[in-house]
Amino acid sequence: MSKSLQAIRGMNDILPEQTPLWRYFESTVARLLDNYGYKQIRMPIVEFTELFKRSEERRVGKECPRC
């Protein structure tokens, strides 16, 4: 009855072997944009509600087995 979770289309994970290249890219772009006076904006992380609901149900079940 449980649905399998799928990645949101267009939102891929950055795996460990890809991280150094992305960090280099991000820092290079950040320096360039800083030089032109741009400021950083932090966006919220997007996840399906079901992911958090399952996690919370498991946590509450462990903390309060009789609930």
PDB file of N, CA and C in Angstrom:
ATOM      1  N   MET A   1       0.812  -1.197   0.000  1.00  0.00           N
ATOM      2  CA  MET A   1       0.000   0.000   0.000  1.00  0.00           C
ATOM      3  C   MET A   1       0.857   1.263   0.000  1.00  0.00           C
ATOM      4  N   SER A   2       2.121   1.160   0.411  1.00  0.00           N
ATOM      5  CA  SER A   2       2.959   2.362   0.441  1.00  0.00           C
ATOM      6  C   SER A   2       3.453   2.704  -0.960  1.00  0.00           C
ATOM      7  N   LYS A   3       3.472   3.988  -1.232  1.00  0.00           N
ATOM      8  CA  LYS A   3       3.986   4.475  -2.513  1.00  0.00           C
ATOM      9  C   LYS A   3       5.500   4.577  -2.412  1.00  0.00           C
ATOM     10  N   SER A   4       6.188   4.311  -3.525  1.00  0.00           N
ATOM     11  CA  SER A   4       7.629   4.541  -3.509  1.00  0.00           C
ATOM     12  C   SER A   4       7.869   6.013  -3.835  1.00  0.00           C
ATOM     13  N   LEU A   5       8.835   6.590  -3.153  1.00  0.00           N
ATOM     14  CA  LEU A   5       9.161   7.996  -3.382  1.00  0.00           C
ATOM     15  C   LEU A   5      10.055   8.113  -4.597  1.00  0.00           C
ATOM     16  N   GLN A   6       9.789   9.097  -5.411  1.00  0.00           N
ATOM     17  CA  GLN A   6      10.587   9.344  -6.596  1.00  0.00           C
ATOM     18  C   GLN A   6      11.137  10.764  -6.528  1.00  0.00           C
ATOM     19  N   ALA A   7      12.304  10.950  -7.121  1.00  0.00           N
ATOM     20  CA  ALA A   7      12.889  12.286  -7.169  1.00  0.00           C
ATOM     21  C   ALA A   7      11.988  13.223  -7.958  1.00  0.00           C
ATOM     22  N   ILE A   8      11.968  14.464  -7.568  1.00  0.00           N
ATOM     23  CA  ILE A   8      11.205  15.474  -8.293  1.00  0.00           C
ATOM     24  C   ILE A   8      11.930  15.741  -9.601  1.00  0.00           C
ATOM     25  N   ARG A   9      11.196  15.711 -10.705  1.00  0.00           N
ATOM     26  CA  ARG A   9      11.804  15.904 -12.014  1.00  0.00           C
ATOM     27  C   ARG A   9      12.602  17.208 -12.062  1.00  0.00           C
ATOM     28  N   GLY A  10      13.840  17.120 -12.528  1.00  0.00           N
ATOM     29  CA  GLY A  10      14.684  18.298 -12.647  1.00  0.00           C
ATOM     30  C   GLY A  10      15.463  18.641 -11.391  1.00  0.00           C
ATOM     31  N   MET A  11      15.259  17.889 -10.327  1.00  0.00           N
ATOM     32  CA  MET A  11      15.972  18.156  -9.067  1.00  0.00           C
ATOM     33  C   MET A  11      16.794  16.919  -8.716  1.00  0.00           C
ATOM     34  N   ASN A  12      18.020  16.892  -9.177  1.00  0.00           N
ATOM     35  CA  ASN A  12      18.874  15.732  -8.974  1.00  0.00           C
ATOM     36  C   ASN A  12      19.819  15.950  -7.798  1.00  0.00           C
ATOM     37  N   ASP A  13      20.170  14.853  -7.134  1.00  0.00           N
ATOM     38  CA  ASP A  13      21.152  14.909  -6.061  1.00  0.00           C
ATOM     39  C   ASP A  13      22.538  15.125  -6.654  1.00  0.00           C
ATOM     40  N   ILE A  14      23.389  15.799  -5.910  1.00  0.00           N
ATOM     41  CA  ILE A  14      24.794  15.940  -6.299  1.00  0.00           C
ATOM     42  C   ILE A  14      25.561  14.916  -5.473  1.00  0.00           C
ATOM     43  N   LEU A  15      26.121  13.940  -6.149  1.00  0.00           N
ATOM     44  CA  LEU A  15      26.797  12.835  -5.496  1.00  0.00           C
ATOM     45  C   LEU A  15      28.212  13.226  -5.079  1.00  0.00           C
ATOM     46  N   PRO A  16      28.797  12.478  -4.128  1.00  0.00           N
ATOM     47  CA  PRO A  16      30.116  12.852  -3.599  1.00  0.00           C
ATOM     48  C   PRO A  16      31.188  13.074  -4.662  1.00  0.00           C
ATOM     49  N   GLU A  17      31.231  12.259  -5.691  1.00  0.00           N
ATOM     50  CA  GLU A  17      32.263  12.442  -6.705  1.00  0.00           C
ATOM     51  C   GLU A  17      32.052  13.704  -7.548  1.00  0.00           C
ATOM     52  N   GLN A  18      30.845  14.256  -7.529  1.00  0.00           N
ATOM     53  CA  GLN A  18      30.545  15.481  -8.274  1.00  0.00           C
ATOM     54  C   GLN A  18      30.732  16.741  -7.436  1.00  0.00           C
ATOM     55  N   THR A  19      30.797  16.572  -6.119  1.00  0.00           N
ATOM     56  CA  THR A  19      30.822  17.714  -5.209  1.00  0.00           C
ATOM     57  C   THR A  19      31.990  18.671  -5.429  1.00  0.00           C
ATOM     58  N   PRO A  20      33.235  18.196  -5.599  1.00  0.00           N
ATOM     59  CA  PRO A  20      34.340  19.166  -5.780  1.00  0.00           C
ATOM     60  C   PRO A  20      34.142  20.083  -6.982  1.00  0.00           C
ATOM     61  N   LEU A  21      33.659  19.543  -8.086  1.00  0.00           N
ATOM     62  CA  LEU A  21      33.420  20.365  -9.267  1.00  0.00           C
ATOM     63  C   LEU A  21      32.328  21.394  -8.995  1.00  0.00           C
ATOM     64  N   TRP A  22      31.257  21.002  -8.329  1.00  0.00           N
ATOM     65  CA  TRP A  22      30.169  21.929  -8.010  1.00  0.00           C
ATOM     66  C   TRP A  22      30.628  23.011  -7.037  1.00  0.00           C
ATOM     67  N   ARG A  23      31.441  22.646  -6.050  1.00  0.00           N
ATOM     68  CA  ARG A  23      31.938  23.650  -5.094  1.00  0.00           C
ATOM     69  C   ARG A  23      32.811  24.673  -5.798  1.00  0.00           C
ATOM     70  N   TYR A  24      33.645  24.203  -6.714  1.00  0.00           N
ATOM     71  CA  TYR A  24      34.483  25.114  -7.498  1.00  0.00           C
ATOM     72  C   TYR A  24      33.604  26.048  -8.334  1.00  0.00           C
ATOM     73  N   PHE A  25      32.627  25.485  -9.020  1.00  0.00           N
ATOM     74  CA  PHE A  25      31.714  26.266  -9.856  1.00  0.00           C
ATOM     75  C   PHE A  25      30.974  27.308  -9.011  1.00  0.00           C
ATOM     76  N   GLU A  26      30.420  26.870  -7.870  1.00  0.00           N
ATOM     77  CA  GLU A  26      29.656  27.778  -7.010  1.00  0.00           C
ATOM     78  C   GLU A  26      30.519  28.916  -6.472  1.00  0.00           C
ATOM     79  N   SER A  27      31.730  28.589  -6.042  1.00  0.00           N
ATOM     80  CA  SER A  27      32.584  29.646  -5.492  1.00  0.00           C
ATOM     81  C   SER A  27      33.031  30.627  -6.578  1.00  0.00           C
ATOM     82  N   THR A  28      33.285  30.118  -7.784  1.00  0.00           N
ATOM     83  CA  THR A  28      33.675  30.986  -8.895  1.00  0.00           C
ATOM     84  C   THR A  28      32.535  31.938  -9.257  1.00  0.00           C
ATOM     85  N   VAL A  29      31.341  31.404  -9.375  1.00  0.00           N
ATOM     86  CA  VAL A  29      30.175  32.233  -9.713  1.00  0.00           C
ATOM     87  C   VAL A  29      29.879  33.219  -8.582  1.00  0.00           C
ATOM     88  N   ALA A  30      29.991  32.766  -7.320  1.00  0.00           N
ATOM     89  CA  ALA A  30      29.732  33.662  -6.183  1.00  0.00           C
ATOM     90  C   ALA A  30      30.683  34.849  -6.186  1.00  0.00           C
ATOM     91  N   ARG A  31      31.980  34.596  -6.444  1.00  0.00           N
ATOM     92  CA  ARG A  31      32.951  35.703  -6.500  1.00  0.00           C
ATOM     93  C   ARG A  31      32.612  36.665  -7.622  1.00  0.00           C
ATOM     94  N   LEU A  32      32.268  36.139  -8.778  1.00  0.00           N
ATOM     95  CA  LEU A  32      31.916  36.979  -9.925  1.00  0.00           C
ATOM     96  C   LEU A  32      30.703  37.852  -9.596  1.00  0.00           C
ATOM     97  N   LEU A  33      29.679  37.237  -9.039  1.00  0.00           N
ATOM     98  CA  LEU A  33      28.467  37.996  -8.716  1.00  0.00           C
ATOM     99  C   LEU A  33      28.715  39.009  -7.596  1.00  0.00           C
ATOM    100  N   ASP A  34      29.535  38.634  -6.613  1.00  0.00           N
ATOM    101  CA  ASP A  34      29.906  39.588  -5.548  1.00  0.00           C
ATOM    102  C   ASP A  34      30.561  40.827  -6.142  1.00  0.00           C
ATOM    103  N   ASN A  35      31.427  40.611  -7.125  1.00  0.00           N
ATOM    104  CA  ASN A  35      32.123  41.735  -7.767  1.00  0.00           C
ATOM    105  C   ASN A  35      31.151  42.697  -8.459  1.00  0.00           C
ATOM    106  N   TYR A  36      29.992  42.199  -8.864  1.00  0.00           N
ATOM    107  CA  TYR A  36      28.992  43.045  -9.512  1.00  0.00           C
ATOM    108  C   TYR A  36      27.908  43.523  -8.541  1.00  0.00           C
ATOM    109  N   GLY A  37      28.097  43.244  -7.257  1.00  0.00           N
ATOM    110  CA  GLY A  37      27.166  43.765  -6.252  1.00  0.00           C
ATOM    111  C   GLY A  37      25.939  42.921  -5.993  1.00  0.00           C
ATOM    112  N   TYR A  38      25.877  41.716  -6.541  1.00  0.00           N
ATOM    113  CA  TYR A  38      24.720  40.855  -6.286  1.00  0.00           C
ATOM    114  C   TYR A  38      24.798  40.260  -4.892  1.00  0.00           C
ATOM    115  N   LYS A  39      23.651  40.001  -4.290  1.00  0.00           N
ATOM    116  CA  LYS A  39      23.566  39.397  -2.965  1.00  0.00           C
ATOM    117  C   LYS A  39      22.920  38.020  -3.083  1.00  0.00           C
ATOM    118  N   GLN A  40      23.312  37.132  -2.172  1.00  0.00           N
ATOM    119  CA  GLN A  40      22.816  35.761  -2.210  1.00  0.00           C
ATOM    120  C   GLN A  40      21.415  35.648  -1.633  1.00  0.00           C
ATOM    121  N   ILE A  41      20.605  34.762  -2.220  1.00  0.00           N
ATOM    122  CA  ILE A  41      19.270  34.430  -1.729  1.00  0.00           C
ATOM    123  C   ILE A  41      19.276  32.927  -1.451  1.00  0.00           C
ATOM    124  N   ARG A  42      18.788  32.521  -0.291  1.00  0.00           N
ATOM    125  CA  ARG A  42      18.687  31.094   0.045  1.00  0.00           C
ATOM    126  C   ARG A  42      17.246  30.650  -0.161  1.00  0.00           C
ATOM    127  N   MET A  43      17.079  29.621  -0.982  1.00  0.00           N
ATOM    128  CA  MET A  43      15.744  29.092  -1.281  1.00  0.00           C
ATOM    129  C   MET A  43      15.414  27.934  -0.335  1.00  0.00           C
ATOM    130  N   PRO A  44      14.132  27.707  -0.076  1.00  0.00           N
ATOM    131  CA  PRO A  44      13.759  26.562   0.771  1.00  0.00           C
ATOM    132  C   PRO A  44      14.028  25.241   0.050  1.00  0.00           C
ATOM    133  N   ILE A  45      14.233  24.210   0.836  1.00  0.00           N
ATOM    134  CA  ILE A  45      14.407  22.868   0.280  1.00  0.00           C
ATOM    135  C   ILE A  45      13.035  22.296  -0.011  1.00  0.00           C
ATOM    136  N   VAL A  46      12.872  21.671  -1.158  1.00  0.00           N
ATOM    137  CA  VAL A  46      11.586  21.120  -1.576  1.00  0.00           C
ATOM    138  C   VAL A  46      11.616  19.606  -1.403  1.00  0.00           C
ATOM    139  N   GLU A  47      10.665  19.083  -0.662  1.00  0.00           N
ATOM    140  CA  GLU A  47      10.510  17.642  -0.489  1.00  0.00           C
ATOM    141  C   GLU A  47       9.022  17.342  -0.455  1.00  0.00           C
ATOM    142  N   PHE A  48       8.676  16.114  -0.815  1.00  0.00           N
ATOM    143  CA  PHE A  48       7.289  15.686  -0.728  1.00  0.00           C
ATOM    144  C   PHE A  48       6.869  15.564   0.731  1.00  0.00           C
ATOM    145  N   THR A  49       5.657  15.945   1.058  1.00  0.00           N
ATOM    146  CA  THR A  49       5.135  15.873   2.414  1.00  0.00           C
ATOM    147  C   THR A  49       5.182  14.452   2.947  1.00  0.00           C
ATOM    148  N   GLU A  50       4.939  13.456   2.080  1.00  0.00           N
ATOM    149  CA  GLU A  50       4.918  12.059   2.507  1.00  0.00           C
ATOM    150  C   GLU A  50       6.244  11.647   3.134  1.00  0.00           C
ATOM    151  N   LEU A  51       7.335  12.188   2.642  1.00  0.00           N
ATOM    152  CA  LEU A  51       8.654  11.862   3.174  1.00  0.00           C
ATOM    153  C   LEU A  51       8.752  12.267   4.641  1.00  0.00           C
ATOM    154  N   PHE A  52       8.315  13.467   4.975  1.00  0.00           N
ATOM    155  CA  PHE A  52       8.371  13.949   6.348  1.00  0.00           C
ATOM    156  C   PHE A  52       7.342  13.246   7.226  1.00  0.00           C
ATOM    157  N   LYS A  53       6.183  12.962   6.658  1.00  0.00           N
ATOM    158  CA  LYS A  53       5.134  12.291   7.417  1.00  0.00           C
ATOM    159  C   LYS A  53       5.610  10.915   7.867  1.00  0.00           C
ATOM    160  N   ARG A  54       6.217  10.144   6.954  1.00  0.00           N
ATOM    161  CA  ARG A  54       6.725   8.819   7.314  1.00  0.00           C
ATOM    162  C   ARG A  54       7.818   8.927   8.363  1.00  0.00           C
ATOM    163  N   SER A  55       8.716   9.865   8.185  1.00  0.00           N
ATOM    164  CA  SER A  55       9.810  10.049   9.126  1.00  0.00           C
ATOM    165  C   SER A  55       9.263  10.401  10.509  1.00  0.00           C
ATOM    166  N   GLU A  56       8.304  11.272  10.573  1.00  0.00           N
ATOM    167  CA  GLU A  56       7.717  11.698  11.848  1.00  0.00           C
ATOM    168  C   GLU A  56       6.965  10.539  12.494  1.00  0.00           C
ATOM    169  N   GLU A  57       6.242   9.747  11.700  1.00  0.00           N
ATOM    170  CA  GLU A  57       5.520   8.608  12.251  1.00  0.00           C
ATOM    171  C   GLU A  57       6.490   7.613  12.882  1.00  0.00           C
ATOM    172  N   ARG A  58       7.634   7.374  12.221  1.00  0.00           N
ATOM    173  CA  ARG A  58       8.631   6.456  12.763  1.00  0.00           C
ATOM    174  C   ARG A  58       9.226   7.011  14.050  1.00  0.00           C
ATOM    175  N   ARG A  59       9.514   8.328  14.065  1.00  0.00           N
ATOM    176  CA  ARG A  59      10.112   8.946  15.248  1.00  0.00           C
ATOM    177  C   ARG A  59       9.157   8.882  16.427  1.00  0.00           C
ATOM    178  N   VAL A  60       7.905   9.229  16.217  1.00  0.00           N
ATOM    179  CA  VAL A  60       6.916   9.230  17.294  1.00  0.00           C
ATOM    180  C   VAL A  60       6.693   7.804  17.784  1.00  0.00           C
ATOM    181  N   GLY A  61       6.673   6.839  16.876  1.00  0.00           N
ATOM    182  CA  GLY A  61       6.496   5.442  17.266  1.00  0.00           C
ATOM    183  C   GLY A  61       7.607   4.949  18.170  1.00  0.00           C
ATOM    184  N   LYS A  62       8.831   5.388  17.932  1.00  0.00           N
ATOM    185  CA  LYS A  62       9.961   4.988  18.758  1.00  0.00           C
ATOM    186  C   LYS A  62       9.912   5.670  20.127  1.00  0.00           C
ATOM    187  N   GLU A  63       9.503   6.931  20.147  1.00  0.00           N
ATOM    188  CA  GLU A  63       9.476   7.685  21.404  1.00  0.00           C
ATOM    189  C   GLU A  63       8.288   7.327  22.273  1.00  0.00           C
ATOM    190  N   CYS A  64       7.207   6.945  21.649  1.00  0.00           N
ATOM    191  CA  CYS A  64       5.972   6.691  22.378  1.00  0.00           C
ATOM    192  C   CYS A  64       5.291   5.440  21.799  1.00  0.00           C
ATOM    193  N   PRO A  65       5.807   4.247  22.116  1.00  0.00           N
ATOM    194  CA  PRO A  65       5.279   3.031  21.501  1.00  0.00           C
ATOM    195  C   PRO A  65       3.811   2.753  21.820  1.00  0.00           C
ATOM    196  N   ARG A  66       3.297   3.308  22.913  1.00  0.00           N
ATOM    197  CA  ARG A  66       1.885   3.073  23.274  1.00  0.00           C
ATOM    198  C   ARG A  66       0.941   4.110  22.698  1.00  0.00           C
ATOM    199  N   CYS A  67       1.460   5.132  22.063  1.00  0.00           N
ATOM    200  CA  CYS A  67       0.610   6.234  21.556  1.00  0.00           C
ATOM    201  C   CYS A  67      -0.204   5.780  20.368  1.00  0.00           C
TER     202      CYS A  67
END
